[in-house]
Amino acid sequence: MDFKNLTARLKNFIVECKRVFLITKKPSMQEFKTIVKVSAIGMLLIGFIGFIITLAFQLAS
């Protein structure tokens, strides 16, 4: 890779990041609470599935 190509890609990345930051907005408190609840349920579900798989392997051996 040459230096010009790398700087062009970096500039393009920065422009794309600016575009994303300009269209995003701060979530309302209700949206934030919903996101936290959904994330917590997802983490608990994944943890429970991992626990069940570990328990199944320990009982099988």
C-alpha atoms as a PDB file:
ATOM      1  CA  MET A   1       0.000   0.000   0.000  1.00  0.00           C
ATOM      2  CA  ASP A   2       1.252   3.412  -0.776  1.00  0.00           C
ATOM      3  CA  PHE A   3       0.943   6.393   1.499  1.00  0.00           C
ATOM      4  CA  LYS A   4      -1.473   8.313  -0.775  1.00  0.00           C
ATOM      5  CA  ASN A   5      -3.920   5.415  -0.896  1.00  0.00           C
ATOM      6  CA  LEU A   6      -3.793   5.065   2.883  1.00  0.00           C
ATOM      7  CA  THR A   7      -4.427   8.769   3.491  1.00  0.00           C
ATOM      8  CA  ALA A   8      -7.285   8.777   0.976  1.00  0.00           C
ATOM      9  CA  ARG A   9      -8.916   5.826   2.727  1.00  0.00           C
ATOM     10  CA  LEU A  10      -8.432   7.512   6.111  1.00  0.00           C
ATOM     11  CA  LYS A  11     -10.004  10.750   4.870  1.00  0.00           C
ATOM     12  CA  ASN A  12     -12.928   8.809   3.416  1.00  0.00           C
ATOM     13  CA  PHE A  13     -13.403   7.021   6.740  1.00  0.00           C
ATOM     14  CA  ILE A  14     -13.415  10.334   8.635  1.00  0.00           C
ATOM     15  CA  VAL A  15     -15.980  11.803   6.208  1.00  0.00           C
ATOM     16  CA  GLU A  16     -18.213   8.749   6.680  1.00  0.00           C
ATOM     17  CA  CYS A  17     -17.894   9.013  10.486  1.00  0.00           C
ATOM     18  CA  LYS A  18     -18.886  12.688  10.376  1.00  0.00           C
ATOM     19  CA  ARG A  19     -21.921  11.805   8.268  1.00  0.00           C
ATOM     20  CA  VAL A  20     -23.038   9.191  10.803  1.00  0.00           C
ATOM     21  CA  PHE A  21     -22.546  11.544  13.755  1.00  0.00           C
ATOM     22  CA  LEU A  22     -24.583  14.271  12.041  1.00  0.00           C
ATOM     23  CA  ILE A  23     -27.655  12.066  11.536  1.00  0.00           C
ATOM     24  CA  THR A  24     -27.646  10.404  14.958  1.00  0.00           C
ATOM     25  CA  LYS A  25     -29.616  11.769  17.882  1.00  0.00           C
ATOM     26  CA  LYS A  26     -29.556  11.300  21.611  1.00  0.00           C
ATOM     27  CA  PRO A  27     -32.138   8.698  22.675  1.00  0.00           C
ATOM     28  CA  SER A  28     -34.969   9.723  24.959  1.00  0.00           C
ATOM     29  CA  MET A  29     -35.094   8.277  28.458  1.00  0.00           C
ATOM     30  CA  GLN A  30     -37.818   5.832  27.360  1.00  0.00           C
ATOM     31  CA  GLU A  31     -35.720   4.629  24.407  1.00  0.00           C
ATOM     32  CA  PHE A  32     -32.680   4.273  26.655  1.00  0.00           C
ATOM     33  CA  LYS A  33     -34.593   2.213  29.233  1.00  0.00           C
ATOM     34  CA  THR A  34     -35.926  -0.050  26.487  1.00  0.00           C
ATOM     35  CA  ILE A  35     -32.435  -0.590  25.078  1.00  0.00           C
ATOM     36  CA  VAL A  36     -31.093  -1.416  28.557  1.00  0.00           C
ATOM     37  CA  LYS A  37     -33.921  -3.889  29.208  1.00  0.00           C
ATOM     38  CA  VAL A  38     -33.507  -5.667  25.878  1.00  0.00           C
ATOM     39  CA  SER A  39     -29.728  -5.855  26.312  1.00  0.00           C
ATOM     40  CA  ALA A  40     -30.071  -7.242  29.852  1.00  0.00           C
ATOM     41  CA  ILE A  41     -32.576  -9.876  28.726  1.00  0.00           C
ATOM     42  CA  GLY A  42     -30.242 -10.877  25.889  1.00  0.00           C
ATOM     43  CA  MET A  43     -27.247 -11.219  28.218  1.00  0.00           C
ATOM     44  CA  LEU A  44     -29.260 -13.242  30.720  1.00  0.00           C
ATOM     45  CA  LEU A  45     -30.567 -15.517  27.969  1.00  0.00           C
ATOM     46  CA  ILE A  46     -27.106 -16.152  26.553  1.00  0.00           C
ATOM     47  CA  GLY A  47     -25.741 -16.796  30.044  1.00  0.00           C
ATOM     48  CA  PHE A  48     -28.565 -19.215  30.825  1.00  0.00           C
ATOM     49  CA  ILE A  49     -27.983 -21.107  27.570  1.00  0.00           C
ATOM     50  CA  GLY A  50     -24.262 -21.347  28.383  1.00  0.00           C
ATOM     51  CA  PHE A  51     -25.090 -22.592  31.884  1.00  0.00           C
ATOM     52  CA  ILE A  52     -27.425 -25.265  30.509  1.00  0.00           C
ATOM     53  CA  ILE A  53     -24.816 -26.432  27.979  1.00  0.00           C
ATOM     54  CA  THR A  54     -22.122 -26.606  30.673  1.00  0.00           C
ATOM     55  CA  LEU A  55     -24.458 -28.463  33.003  1.00  0.00           C
ATOM     56  CA  ALA A  56     -25.375 -30.925  30.252  1.00  0.00           C
ATOM     57  CA  PHE A  57     -21.713 -31.684  29.502  1.00  0.00           C
ATOM     58  CA  GLN A  58     -20.905 -32.164  33.200  1.00  0.00           C
ATOM     59  CA  LEU A  59     -23.849 -34.516  33.704  1.00  0.00           C
ATOM     60  CA  ALA A  60     -22.992 -36.482  30.545  1.00  0.00           C
ATOM     61  CA  SER A  61     -19.437 -37.255  31.680  1.00  0.00           C
END
